[in-house]
Amino acid sequence: MNNVRTDHCFLADIDFADRTFPFSYGALPARLEKSIATAGLLQPPLLVAGKNGFRIVCGWRRLEVLRKLADESGEDEILVNLAKNISLQELFRRALWENLAIREFNLVETADIYCAALKIFTLDEVEKKIMPALKIPLRPRFRGRCQAISGFSQELRDLLAAGSVDAETVDLIKEWSADERSALIDLVTESGLRRNKLREVVGRLDDLARRDQISPFELLADVRQAALDEAGNIDVELLRRQLKARLYPQLTAAHLEFVARQEKFPWLKPFRLDPPPDFEGGDYRLNFTFTDSKEWEEICAQLNAVALEDIDELCRRS
């Protein structure tokens, strides 16, 4: 590599706070920690001189592992590659493709790399070279997503980097206030909501907030209180039902009425009768189990004895 020399430096001389090259964010891979602890540093990180010490171009995760090990061993001197007389743009490109050769970027890394590239390259270069490499479509929605993520709190960025929050949820909460996003983080922390269910909850909160012209913050406080169990913990399924009932009151009323009608017929107790999705057309499904031919005959006898009037009552639409 031209204009790069291998040398030694001290960890204390590295500016870990500098994010000119933001190619790593999130928890350190356990395999990397074990590798360096066992075999030492096999590939020296690439650094370049900066205002407050050396900037990390490539190898932030390796350096963080070395810093952890140094806290235990006291060994502060490490082997590094030092770049000199290489443009910022060229260093950025090298860092981008070195990382892409071995791993995928998480949501936070993708957003930070995109936003950092906007400060280093022309917009045309970002659109033609950087965005395709990051798999960011050339549409405002995805640009806005990246810019939003870069401005999120550390707590929310940590959840994104860990994969606990997905991109679709980001699109829903990027217009929320900092307080509203903070309340959502508290809900996630307390309830353990993750990915798909979280996206559903956030989607319903956002729909309700827009429909009723109230803030997600008010809604969060209200539904959280309503979803507490006897021990004071958040019941995720109760929370989901609360939101569904508020968003679809007529559907909820129809479901409760259907359940009440089923209770009028004792013969239904060994079975489970499921209505069509959202009570809009489709088939009813009767579910039951049996272990042998005798049980099968008993079930058939029960069903043959059912009055057609019962079926008409069960399938009645309000």
C-alpha atoms as a PDB file:
ATOM      1  CA  MET A   1       0.000   0.000   0.000  1.00  0.00           C
ATOM      2  CA  ASN A   2       1.641   3.276  -1.146  1.00  0.00           C
ATOM      3  CA  ASN A   3       2.204   6.053   1.398  1.00  0.00           C
ATOM      4  CA  VAL A   4       1.531   3.671   4.295  1.00  0.00           C
ATOM      5  CA  ARG A   5       4.191   2.540   6.764  1.00  0.00           C
ATOM      6  CA  THR A   6       3.997   0.107   9.637  1.00  0.00           C
ATOM      7  CA  ASP A   7       4.992   1.537  13.015  1.00  0.00           C
ATOM      8  CA  HIS A   8       4.217   1.427  16.706  1.00  0.00           C
ATOM      9  CA  CYS A   9       2.047   3.858  18.621  1.00  0.00           C
ATOM     10  CA  PHE A  10       0.359   4.096  21.999  1.00  0.00           C
ATOM     11  CA  LEU A  11      -3.379   3.638  22.428  1.00  0.00           C
ATOM     12  CA  ALA A  12      -3.407   6.895  24.368  1.00  0.00           C
ATOM     13  CA  ASP A  13      -2.309   8.694  21.190  1.00  0.00           C
ATOM     14  CA  ILE A  14      -5.415   7.572  19.250  1.00  0.00           C
ATOM     15  CA  ASP A  15      -8.483   9.819  19.088  1.00  0.00           C
ATOM     16  CA  PHE A  16     -11.278   7.304  19.646  1.00  0.00           C
ATOM     17  CA  ALA A  17     -13.876  10.104  19.655  1.00  0.00           C
ATOM     18  CA  ASP A  18     -13.108  11.145  16.058  1.00  0.00           C
ATOM     19  CA  ARG A  19     -15.813   9.832  13.699  1.00  0.00           C
ATOM     20  CA  THR A  20     -14.464  11.073  10.364  1.00  0.00           C
ATOM     21  CA  PHE A  21     -14.461   7.424   9.275  1.00  0.00           C
ATOM     22  CA  PRO A  22     -17.583   6.016  11.014  1.00  0.00           C
ATOM     23  CA  PHE A  23     -17.359   2.426   9.829  1.00  0.00           C
ATOM     24  CA  SER A  24     -18.066   0.642  13.096  1.00  0.00           C
ATOM     25  CA  TYR A  25     -20.833   0.989  15.657  1.00  0.00           C
ATOM     26  CA  GLY A  26     -22.233  -1.534  18.078  1.00  0.00           C
ATOM     27  CA  ALA A  27     -21.160  -4.414  20.266  1.00  0.00           C
ATOM     28  CA  LEU A  28     -17.769  -5.972  19.681  1.00  0.00           C
ATOM     29  CA  PRO A  29     -17.911  -9.452  18.080  1.00  0.00           C
ATOM     30  CA  ALA A  30     -17.048 -12.127  20.650  1.00  0.00           C
ATOM     31  CA  ARG A  31     -15.038 -14.027  18.022  1.00  0.00           C
ATOM     32  CA  LEU A  32     -12.851 -10.987  17.378  1.00  0.00           C
ATOM     33  CA  GLU A  33     -12.154 -10.555  21.078  1.00  0.00           C
ATOM     34  CA  LYS A  34     -11.232 -14.232  21.398  1.00  0.00           C
ATOM     35  CA  SER A  35      -9.041 -14.104  18.286  1.00  0.00           C
ATOM     36  CA  ILE A  36      -7.005 -11.115  19.434  1.00  0.00           C
ATOM     37  CA  ALA A  37      -6.765 -12.384  23.005  1.00  0.00           C
ATOM     38  CA  THR A  38      -5.527 -15.767  21.736  1.00  0.00           C
ATOM     39  CA  ALA A  39      -3.419 -14.972  18.656  1.00  0.00           C
ATOM     40  CA  GLY A  40      -2.716 -11.281  19.003  1.00  0.00           C
ATOM     41  CA  LEU A  41      -3.307  -8.562  16.408  1.00  0.00           C
ATOM     42  CA  LEU A  42      -2.951 -10.177  12.967  1.00  0.00           C
ATOM     43  CA  GLN A  43      -3.887  -7.174  10.824  1.00  0.00           C
ATOM     44  CA  PRO A  44      -2.742  -3.749  12.098  1.00  0.00           C
ATOM     45  CA  PRO A  45      -5.396  -0.980  11.952  1.00  0.00           C
ATOM     46  CA  LEU A  46      -4.958   1.920   9.551  1.00  0.00           C
ATOM     47  CA  LEU A  47      -4.509   5.354  11.146  1.00  0.00           C
ATOM     48  CA  VAL A  48      -3.898   8.870   9.908  1.00  0.00           C
ATOM     49  CA  ALA A  49      -2.712  11.946  11.792  1.00  0.00           C
ATOM     50  CA  GLY A  50      -5.484  14.191  13.092  1.00  0.00           C
ATOM     51  CA  LYS A  51      -5.883  17.306  15.265  1.00  0.00           C
ATOM     52  CA  ASN A  52      -6.232  15.457  18.560  1.00  0.00           C
ATOM     53  CA  GLY A  53      -4.158  12.380  17.856  1.00  0.00           C
ATOM     54  CA  PHE A  54      -4.388   9.642  15.279  1.00  0.00           C
ATOM     55  CA  ARG A  55      -7.714   9.176  13.481  1.00  0.00           C
ATOM     56  CA  ILE A  56      -8.975   5.638  12.989  1.00  0.00           C
ATOM     57  CA  VAL A  57      -9.469   4.894   9.283  1.00  0.00           C
ATOM     58  CA  CYS A  58      -9.882   1.098   9.533  1.00  0.00           C
ATOM     59  CA  GLY A  59      -9.848  -1.142  12.575  1.00  0.00           C
ATOM     60  CA  TRP A  60     -11.996   0.600  15.191  1.00  0.00           C
ATOM     61  CA  ARG A  61     -13.280  -2.721  16.553  1.00  0.00           C
ATOM     62  CA  ARG A  62      -9.785  -4.198  16.702  1.00  0.00           C
ATOM     63  CA  LEU A  63      -8.584  -1.137  18.594  1.00  0.00           C
ATOM     64  CA  GLU A  64     -11.475  -1.302  21.056  1.00  0.00           C
ATOM     65  CA  VAL A  65     -10.580  -4.926  21.795  1.00  0.00           C
ATOM     66  CA  LEU A  66      -6.936  -3.944  22.272  1.00  0.00           C
ATOM     67  CA  ARG A  67      -8.017  -1.142  24.588  1.00  0.00           C
ATOM     68  CA  LYS A  68     -10.006  -3.631  26.694  1.00  0.00           C
ATOM     69  CA  LEU A  69      -7.053  -5.991  26.842  1.00  0.00           C
ATOM     70  CA  ALA A  70      -4.720  -3.129  27.735  1.00  0.00           C
ATOM     71  CA  ASP A  71      -6.873  -2.314  30.754  1.00  0.00           C
ATOM     72  CA  GLU A  72      -6.092  -5.823  32.020  1.00  0.00           C
ATOM     73  CA  SER A  73      -2.464  -6.170  30.928  1.00  0.00           C
ATOM     74  CA  GLY A  74      -1.254  -2.580  31.033  1.00  0.00           C
ATOM     75  CA  GLU A  75       0.328  -2.951  27.574  1.00  0.00           C
ATOM     76  CA  ASP A  76      -0.433   0.272  25.710  1.00  0.00           C
ATOM     77  CA  GLU A  77       1.905   0.058  22.696  1.00  0.00           C
ATOM     78  CA  ILE A  78       0.518  -1.538  19.516  1.00  0.00           C
ATOM     79  CA  LEU A  79       1.456  -2.132  15.890  1.00  0.00           C
ATOM     80  CA  VAL A  80      -0.383   0.057  13.347  1.00  0.00           C
ATOM     81  CA  ASN A  81      -0.315   1.155   9.717  1.00  0.00           C
ATOM     82  CA  LEU A  82       0.125   4.921   9.375  1.00  0.00           C
ATOM     83  CA  ALA A  83      -1.147   6.686   6.238  1.00  0.00           C
ATOM     84  CA  LYS A  84       0.539   9.822   4.933  1.00  0.00           C
ATOM     85  CA  ASN A  85      -0.127  12.038   1.919  1.00  0.00           C
ATOM     86  CA  ILE A  86      -3.340  10.186   1.032  1.00  0.00           C
ATOM     87  CA  SER A  87      -6.460  12.235   0.387  1.00  0.00           C
ATOM     88  CA  LEU A  88      -9.424  12.015   2.738  1.00  0.00           C
ATOM     89  CA  GLN A  89     -11.570  10.730  -0.125  1.00  0.00           C
ATOM     90  CA  GLU A  90      -9.138   7.913  -0.934  1.00  0.00           C
ATOM     91  CA  LEU A  91      -8.856   6.878   2.718  1.00  0.00           C
ATOM     92  CA  PHE A  92     -12.652   6.829   2.969  1.00  0.00           C
ATOM     93  CA  ARG A  93     -12.943   4.621  -0.116  1.00  0.00           C
ATOM     94  CA  ARG A  94     -10.315   2.214   1.213  1.00  0.00           C
ATOM     95  CA  ALA A  95     -12.080   1.968   4.561  1.00  0.00           C
ATOM     96  CA  LEU A  96     -15.438   1.409   2.875  1.00  0.00           C
ATOM     97  CA  TRP A  97     -14.314  -1.440   0.664  1.00  0.00           C
ATOM     98  CA  GLU A  98     -12.090  -3.077   3.257  1.00  0.00           C
ATOM     99  CA  ASN A  99     -15.111  -3.350   5.556  1.00  0.00           C
ATOM    100  CA  LEU A 100     -17.514  -4.416   2.812  1.00  0.00           C
ATOM    101  CA  ALA A 101     -15.166  -7.239   1.868  1.00  0.00           C
ATOM    102  CA  ILE A 102     -15.684  -8.971   5.217  1.00  0.00           C
ATOM    103  CA  ARG A 103     -19.089  -7.946   6.624  1.00  0.00           C
ATOM    104  CA  GLU A 104     -22.436  -6.200   6.271  1.00  0.00           C
ATOM    105  CA  PHE A 105     -23.041  -2.823   7.890  1.00  0.00           C
ATOM    106  CA  ASN A 106     -25.805  -2.458  10.454  1.00  0.00           C
ATOM    107  CA  LEU A 107     -28.406   0.337  10.168  1.00  0.00           C
ATOM    108  CA  VAL A 108     -26.427   2.802  12.271  1.00  0.00           C
ATOM    109  CA  GLU A 109     -23.186   2.222  10.418  1.00  0.00           C
ATOM    110  CA  THR A 110     -24.913   2.600   7.047  1.00  0.00           C
ATOM    111  CA  ALA A 111     -26.525   5.876   8.128  1.00  0.00           C
ATOM    112  CA  ASP A 112     -23.335   7.303   9.620  1.00  0.00           C
ATOM    113  CA  ILE A 113     -21.227   6.350   6.592  1.00  0.00           C
ATOM    114  CA  TYR A 114     -23.737   7.982   4.250  1.00  0.00           C
ATOM    115  CA  CYS A 115     -23.855  11.204   6.290  1.00  0.00           C
ATOM    116  CA  ALA A 116     -20.065  11.325   6.632  1.00  0.00           C
ATOM    117  CA  ALA A 117     -19.658  10.791   2.886  1.00  0.00           C
ATOM    118  CA  LEU A 118     -21.843  13.828   2.196  1.00  0.00           C
ATOM    119  CA  LYS A 119     -19.212  15.969   3.947  1.00  0.00           C
ATOM    120  CA  ILE A 120     -16.303  14.493   1.991  1.00  0.00           C
ATOM    121  CA  PHE A 121     -17.591  13.827  -1.536  1.00  0.00           C
ATOM    122  CA  THR A 122     -19.753  15.709  -3.993  1.00  0.00           C
ATOM    123  CA  LEU A 123     -23.433  14.729  -4.088  1.00  0.00           C
ATOM    124  CA  ASP A 124     -22.880  13.173  -7.520  1.00  0.00           C
ATOM    125  CA  GLU A 125     -20.050  10.982  -6.169  1.00  0.00           C
ATOM    126  CA  VAL A 126     -22.156   9.929  -3.184  1.00  0.00           C
ATOM    127  CA  GLU A 127     -25.057   8.947  -5.451  1.00  0.00           C
ATOM    128  CA  LYS A 128     -22.931   7.086  -7.995  1.00  0.00           C
ATOM    129  CA  LYS A 129     -20.294   5.447  -5.772  1.00  0.00           C
ATOM    130  CA  ILE A 130     -21.210   5.451  -2.089  1.00  0.00           C
ATOM    131  CA  MET A 131     -24.968   4.816  -2.048  1.00  0.00           C
ATOM    132  CA  PRO A 132     -24.823   1.782  -4.380  1.00  0.00           C
ATOM    133  CA  ALA A 133     -22.038   0.291  -2.242  1.00  0.00           C
ATOM    134  CA  LEU A 134     -24.189   0.781   0.862  1.00  0.00           C
ATOM    135  CA  LYS A 135     -27.303  -0.545  -0.945  1.00  0.00           C
ATOM    136  CA  ILE A 136     -29.175   2.706  -0.283  1.00  0.00           C
ATOM    137  CA  PRO A 137     -31.808   3.358  -2.991  1.00  0.00           C
ATOM    138  CA  LEU A 138     -31.721   6.795  -4.628  1.00  0.00           C
ATOM    139  CA  ARG A 139     -35.008   7.947  -3.081  1.00  0.00           C
ATOM    140  CA  PRO A 140     -35.782  10.636  -0.485  1.00  0.00           C
ATOM    141  CA  ARG A 141     -37.294   8.110   1.943  1.00  0.00           C
ATOM    142  CA  PHE A 142     -33.983   6.288   2.353  1.00  0.00           C
ATOM    143  CA  ARG A 143     -31.894   9.466   2.517  1.00  0.00           C
ATOM    144  CA  GLY A 144     -34.233  10.764   5.242  1.00  0.00           C
ATOM    145  CA  ARG A 145     -33.947   7.484   7.139  1.00  0.00           C
ATOM    146  CA  CYS A 146     -30.152   7.751   7.238  1.00  0.00           C
ATOM    147  CA  GLN A 147     -30.202  11.375   8.359  1.00  0.00           C
ATOM    148  CA  ALA A 148     -32.729  10.562  11.086  1.00  0.00           C
ATOM    149  CA  ILE A 149     -30.666   7.668  12.450  1.00  0.00           C
ATOM    150  CA  SER A 150     -27.560   9.837  12.671  1.00  0.00           C
ATOM    151  CA  GLY A 151     -29.493  12.239  14.905  1.00  0.00           C
ATOM    152  CA  PHE A 152     -31.023   9.618  17.211  1.00  0.00           C
ATOM    153  CA  SER A 153     -29.980   9.224  20.844  1.00  0.00           C
ATOM    154  CA  GLN A 154     -27.281   6.724  21.741  1.00  0.00           C
ATOM    155  CA  GLU A 155     -29.851   4.452  23.424  1.00  0.00           C
ATOM    156  CA  LEU A 156     -31.939   4.231  20.271  1.00  0.00           C
ATOM    157  CA  ARG A 157     -28.874   3.846  18.038  1.00  0.00           C
ATOM    158  CA  ASP A 158     -27.716   0.965  20.243  1.00  0.00           C
ATOM    159  CA  LEU A 159     -31.069  -0.794  19.743  1.00  0.00           C
ATOM    160  CA  LEU A 160     -30.786  -0.272  15.988  1.00  0.00           C
ATOM    161  CA  ALA A 161     -27.218  -1.571  15.855  1.00  0.00           C
ATOM    162  CA  ALA A 162     -28.267  -4.656  17.817  1.00  0.00           C
ATOM    163  CA  GLY A 163     -31.101  -5.344  15.364  1.00  0.00           C
ATOM    164  CA  SER A 164     -33.815  -4.827  17.998  1.00  0.00           C
ATOM    165  CA  VAL A 165     -35.394  -2.041  15.924  1.00  0.00           C
ATOM    166  CA  ASP A 166     -35.817  -2.342  12.154  1.00  0.00           C
ATOM    167  CA  ALA A 167     -35.758   0.159   9.300  1.00  0.00           C
ATOM    168  CA  GLU A 168     -39.560   0.306   8.909  1.00  0.00           C
ATOM    169  CA  THR A 169     -39.882   1.365  12.555  1.00  0.00           C
ATOM    170  CA  VAL A 170     -37.318   4.109  11.936  1.00  0.00           C
ATOM    171  CA  ASP A 171     -39.520   5.465   9.134  1.00  0.00           C
ATOM    172  CA  LEU A 172     -42.431   5.694  11.584  1.00  0.00           C
ATOM    173  CA  ILE A 173     -40.614   7.364  14.486  1.00  0.00           C
ATOM    174  CA  LYS A 174     -38.261   9.705  12.642  1.00  0.00           C
ATOM    175  CA  GLU A 175     -40.831  12.520  12.889  1.00  0.00           C
ATOM    176  CA  TRP A 176     -41.465  11.873  16.574  1.00  0.00           C
ATOM    177  CA  SER A 177     -39.998  14.227  19.154  1.00  0.00           C
ATOM    178  CA  ALA A 178     -36.981  13.257  21.255  1.00  0.00           C
ATOM    179  CA  ASP A 179     -39.273  12.815  24.284  1.00  0.00           C
ATOM    180  CA  GLU A 180     -41.595  10.516  22.332  1.00  0.00           C
ATOM    181  CA  ARG A 181     -38.696   8.373  21.144  1.00  0.00           C
ATOM    182  CA  SER A 182     -37.313   8.291  24.687  1.00  0.00           C
ATOM    183  CA  ALA A 183     -40.676   7.045  25.989  1.00  0.00           C
ATOM    184  CA  LEU A 184     -40.620   4.331  23.322  1.00  0.00           C
ATOM    185  CA  ILE A 185     -37.133   3.243  24.411  1.00  0.00           C
ATOM    186  CA  ASP A 186     -38.394   2.966  27.994  1.00  0.00           C
ATOM    187  CA  LEU A 187     -41.286   0.813  26.761  1.00  0.00           C
ATOM    188  CA  VAL A 188     -38.905  -1.467  24.843  1.00  0.00           C
ATOM    189  CA  THR A 189     -36.598  -1.760  27.847  1.00  0.00           C
ATOM    190  CA  GLU A 190     -39.419  -2.568  30.252  1.00  0.00           C
ATOM    191  CA  SER A 191     -41.433  -4.904  28.020  1.00  0.00           C
ATOM    192  CA  GLY A 192     -38.782  -6.625  25.929  1.00  0.00           C
ATOM    193  CA  LEU A 193     -40.593  -5.731  22.693  1.00  0.00           C
ATOM    194  CA  ARG A 194     -38.474  -6.634  19.691  1.00  0.00           C
ATOM    195  CA  ARG A 195     -38.578  -6.087  15.950  1.00  0.00           C
ATOM    196  CA  ASN A 196     -41.846  -7.375  14.472  1.00  0.00           C
ATOM    197  CA  LYS A 197     -44.082  -6.785  17.483  1.00  0.00           C
ATOM    198  CA  LEU A 198     -42.385  -3.454  18.108  1.00  0.00           C
ATOM    199  CA  ARG A 199     -43.052  -2.413  14.512  1.00  0.00           C
ATOM    200  CA  GLU A 200     -46.703  -3.373  14.932  1.00  0.00           C
ATOM    201  CA  VAL A 201     -47.010  -1.413  18.199  1.00  0.00           C
ATOM    202  CA  VAL A 202     -45.296   1.659  16.756  1.00  0.00           C
ATOM    203  CA  GLY A 203     -47.422   1.499  13.608  1.00  0.00           C
ATOM    204  CA  ARG A 204     -50.631   1.442  15.638  1.00  0.00           C
ATOM    205  CA  LEU A 205     -49.421   4.221  17.925  1.00  0.00           C
ATOM    206  CA  ASP A 206     -48.578   6.352  14.903  1.00  0.00           C
ATOM    207  CA  ASP A 207     -51.937   5.642  13.218  1.00  0.00           C
ATOM    208  CA  LEU A 208     -53.835   6.491  16.414  1.00  0.00           C
ATOM    209  CA  ALA A 209     -51.845   9.669  16.963  1.00  0.00           C
ATOM    210  CA  ARG A 210     -52.591  10.869  13.438  1.00  0.00           C
ATOM    211  CA  ARG A 211     -56.261   9.854  13.553  1.00  0.00           C
ATOM    212  CA  ASP A 212     -57.014  11.352  16.970  1.00  0.00           C
ATOM    213  CA  GLN A 213     -54.641  14.331  16.658  1.00  0.00           C
ATOM    214  CA  ILE A 214     -52.772  13.534  19.868  1.00  0.00           C
ATOM    215  CA  SER A 215     -49.091  12.943  20.507  1.00  0.00           C
ATOM    216  CA  PRO A 216     -47.553   9.451  20.602  1.00  0.00           C
ATOM    217  CA  PHE A 217     -46.172  10.481  24.012  1.00  0.00           C
ATOM    218  CA  GLU A 218     -49.681  10.801  25.476  1.00  0.00           C
ATOM    219  CA  LEU A 219     -50.743   7.525  23.887  1.00  0.00           C
ATOM    220  CA  LEU A 220     -47.677   5.694  25.166  1.00  0.00           C
ATOM    221  CA  ALA A 221     -48.302   6.822  28.731  1.00  0.00           C
ATOM    222  CA  ASP A 222     -51.963   5.807  28.505  1.00  0.00           C
ATOM    223  CA  VAL A 223     -51.584   2.365  26.933  1.00  0.00           C
ATOM    224  CA  ARG A 224     -48.578   1.522  29.082  1.00  0.00           C
ATOM    225  CA  GLN A 225     -50.637   2.045  32.223  1.00  0.00           C
ATOM    226  CA  ALA A 226     -53.517   0.000  30.806  1.00  0.00           C
ATOM    227  CA  ALA A 227     -51.181  -2.883  29.916  1.00  0.00           C
ATOM    228  CA  LEU A 228     -49.712  -3.438  33.390  1.00  0.00           C
ATOM    229  CA  ASP A 229     -50.287  -6.836  34.940  1.00  0.00           C
ATOM    230  CA  GLU A 230     -50.908  -7.534  38.632  1.00  0.00           C
ATOM    231  CA  ALA A 231     -47.168  -7.459  39.361  1.00  0.00           C
ATOM    232  CA  GLY A 232     -46.798  -4.059  37.705  1.00  0.00           C
ATOM    233  CA  ASN A 233     -45.015  -5.421  34.627  1.00  0.00           C
ATOM    234  CA  ILE A 234     -45.997  -4.632  31.041  1.00  0.00           C
ATOM    235  CA  ASP A 235     -47.994  -7.426  29.424  1.00  0.00           C
ATOM    236  CA  VAL A 236     -47.007  -7.252  25.747  1.00  0.00           C
ATOM    237  CA  GLU A 237     -50.050  -9.134  24.483  1.00  0.00           C
ATOM    238  CA  LEU A 238     -52.387  -6.945  26.535  1.00  0.00           C
ATOM    239  CA  LEU A 239     -50.613  -3.889  25.156  1.00  0.00           C
ATOM    240  CA  ARG A 240     -51.159  -5.096  21.587  1.00  0.00           C
ATOM    241  CA  ARG A 241     -54.835  -5.808  22.267  1.00  0.00           C
ATOM    242  CA  GLN A 242     -55.297  -2.384  23.845  1.00  0.00           C
ATOM    243  CA  LEU A 243     -53.915  -0.670  20.760  1.00  0.00           C
ATOM    244  CA  LYS A 244     -55.921  -2.845  18.374  1.00  0.00           C
ATOM    245  CA  ALA A 245     -59.119  -2.148  20.318  1.00  0.00           C
ATOM    246  CA  ARG A 246     -58.535   1.615  20.135  1.00  0.00           C
ATOM    247  CA  LEU A 247     -57.618   1.559  16.489  1.00  0.00           C
ATOM    248  CA  TYR A 248     -60.390  -0.797  15.386  1.00  0.00           C
ATOM    249  CA  PRO A 249     -63.264  -0.375  17.879  1.00  0.00           C
ATOM    250  CA  GLN A 250     -65.911  -1.893  15.591  1.00  0.00           C
ATOM    251  CA  LEU A 251     -63.773  -4.946  14.878  1.00  0.00           C
ATOM    252  CA  THR A 252     -63.087  -5.371  18.584  1.00  0.00           C
ATOM    253  CA  ALA A 253     -66.794  -5.106  19.393  1.00  0.00           C
ATOM    254  CA  ALA A 254     -67.571  -7.729  16.729  1.00  0.00           C
ATOM    255  CA  HIS A 255     -64.970 -10.073  18.205  1.00  0.00           C
ATOM    256  CA  LEU A 256     -66.347  -9.678  21.746  1.00  0.00           C
ATOM    257  CA  GLU A 257     -69.864 -10.321  20.477  1.00  0.00           C
ATOM    258  CA  PHE A 258     -68.668 -13.447  18.658  1.00  0.00           C
ATOM    259  CA  VAL A 259     -67.004 -14.750  21.836  1.00  0.00           C
ATOM    260  CA  ALA A 260     -70.201 -14.069  23.809  1.00  0.00           C
ATOM    261  CA  ARG A 261     -72.263 -16.004  21.259  1.00  0.00           C
ATOM    262  CA  GLN A 262     -69.935 -18.997  21.525  1.00  0.00           C
ATOM    263  CA  GLU A 263     -70.444 -19.133  25.297  1.00  0.00           C
ATOM    264  CA  LYS A 264     -74.160 -19.809  24.734  1.00  0.00           C
ATOM    265  CA  PHE A 265     -73.403 -23.230  23.239  1.00  0.00           C
ATOM    266  CA  PRO A 266     -71.875 -25.783  25.667  1.00  0.00           C
ATOM    267  CA  TRP A 267     -71.204 -28.233  22.827  1.00  0.00           C
ATOM    268  CA  LEU A 268     -68.497 -25.886  21.540  1.00  0.00           C
ATOM    269  CA  LYS A 269     -66.251 -26.254  24.600  1.00  0.00           C
ATOM    270  CA  PRO A 270     -64.157 -29.171  23.204  1.00  0.00           C
ATOM    271  CA  PHE A 271     -63.627 -27.207  19.994  1.00  0.00           C
ATOM    272  CA  ARG A 272     -62.103 -23.927  18.893  1.00  0.00           C
ATOM    273  CA  LEU A 273     -64.060 -21.930  16.369  1.00  0.00           C
ATOM    274  CA  ASP A 274     -62.142 -19.207  14.513  1.00  0.00           C
ATOM    275  CA  PRO A 275     -64.026 -16.542  12.538  1.00  0.00           C
ATOM    276  CA  PRO A 276     -62.848 -15.159   9.169  1.00  0.00           C
ATOM    277  CA  PRO A 277     -60.051 -12.591   9.484  1.00  0.00           C
ATOM    278  CA  ASP A 278     -61.558  -9.259  10.530  1.00  0.00           C
ATOM    279  CA  PHE A 279     -65.025 -10.805   9.996  1.00  0.00           C
ATOM    280  CA  GLU A 280     -64.831  -9.875   6.323  1.00  0.00           C
ATOM    281  CA  GLY A 281     -65.927 -12.832   4.184  1.00  0.00           C
ATOM    282  CA  GLY A 282     -63.874 -15.984   4.195  1.00  0.00           C
ATOM    283  CA  ASP A 283     -64.350 -19.221   6.074  1.00  0.00           C
ATOM    284  CA  TYR A 284     -64.977 -20.152   9.670  1.00  0.00           C
ATOM    285  CA  ARG A 285     -62.568 -22.794  10.954  1.00  0.00           C
ATOM    286  CA  LEU A 286     -63.463 -25.429  13.537  1.00  0.00           C
ATOM    287  CA  ASN A 287     -60.436 -26.945  15.282  1.00  0.00           C
ATOM    288  CA  PHE A 288     -60.360 -30.067  17.432  1.00  0.00           C
ATOM    289  CA  THR A 289     -58.056 -32.918  18.412  1.00  0.00           C
ATOM    290  CA  PHE A 290     -58.579 -36.636  18.951  1.00  0.00           C
ATOM    291  CA  THR A 291     -56.384 -39.565  19.939  1.00  0.00           C
ATOM    292  CA  ASP A 292     -58.184 -42.632  18.598  1.00  0.00           C
ATOM    293  CA  SER A 293     -61.175 -43.851  16.603  1.00  0.00           C
ATOM    294  CA  LYS A 294     -63.431 -43.811  19.640  1.00  0.00           C
ATOM    295  CA  GLU A 295     -62.816 -40.104  20.248  1.00  0.00           C
ATOM    296  CA  TRP A 296     -63.314 -39.474  16.547  1.00  0.00           C
ATOM    297  CA  GLU A 297     -66.732 -41.180  16.658  1.00  0.00           C
ATOM    298  CA  GLU A 298     -67.707 -39.141  19.725  1.00  0.00           C
ATOM    299  CA  ILE A 299     -66.743 -35.896  18.020  1.00  0.00           C
ATOM    300  CA  CYS A 300     -68.651 -36.813  14.872  1.00  0.00           C
ATOM    301  CA  ALA A 301     -71.706 -37.647  16.980  1.00  0.00           C
ATOM    302  CA  GLN A 302     -71.478 -34.285  18.755  1.00  0.00           C
ATOM    303  CA  LEU A 303     -71.230 -32.406  15.479  1.00  0.00           C
ATOM    304  CA  ASN A 304     -74.105 -34.339  13.894  1.00  0.00           C
ATOM    305  CA  ALA A 305     -76.288 -33.391  16.838  1.00  0.00           C
ATOM    306  CA  VAL A 306     -75.671 -29.663  16.431  1.00  0.00           C
ATOM    307  CA  ALA A 307     -78.786 -27.757  15.473  1.00  0.00           C
ATOM    308  CA  LEU A 308     -78.547 -25.719  12.267  1.00  0.00           C
ATOM    309  CA  GLU A 309     -80.037 -22.805  14.189  1.00  0.00           C
ATOM    310  CA  ASP A 310     -76.882 -22.788  16.363  1.00  0.00           C
ATOM    311  CA  ILE A 311     -74.700 -22.491  13.292  1.00  0.00           C
ATOM    312  CA  ASP A 312     -76.831 -19.649  11.925  1.00  0.00           C
ATOM    313  CA  GLU A 313     -76.521 -17.856  15.266  1.00  0.00           C
ATOM    314  CA  LEU A 314     -72.743 -18.338  15.442  1.00  0.00           C
ATOM    315  CA  CYS A 315     -72.187 -17.089  11.899  1.00  0.00           C
ATOM    316  CA  ARG A 316     -74.544 -14.150  12.179  1.00  0.00           C
ATOM    317  CA  ARG A 317     -72.973 -10.804  11.275  1.00  0.00           C
ATOM    318  CA  SER A 318     -74.086  -7.760  13.228  1.00  0.00           C
END
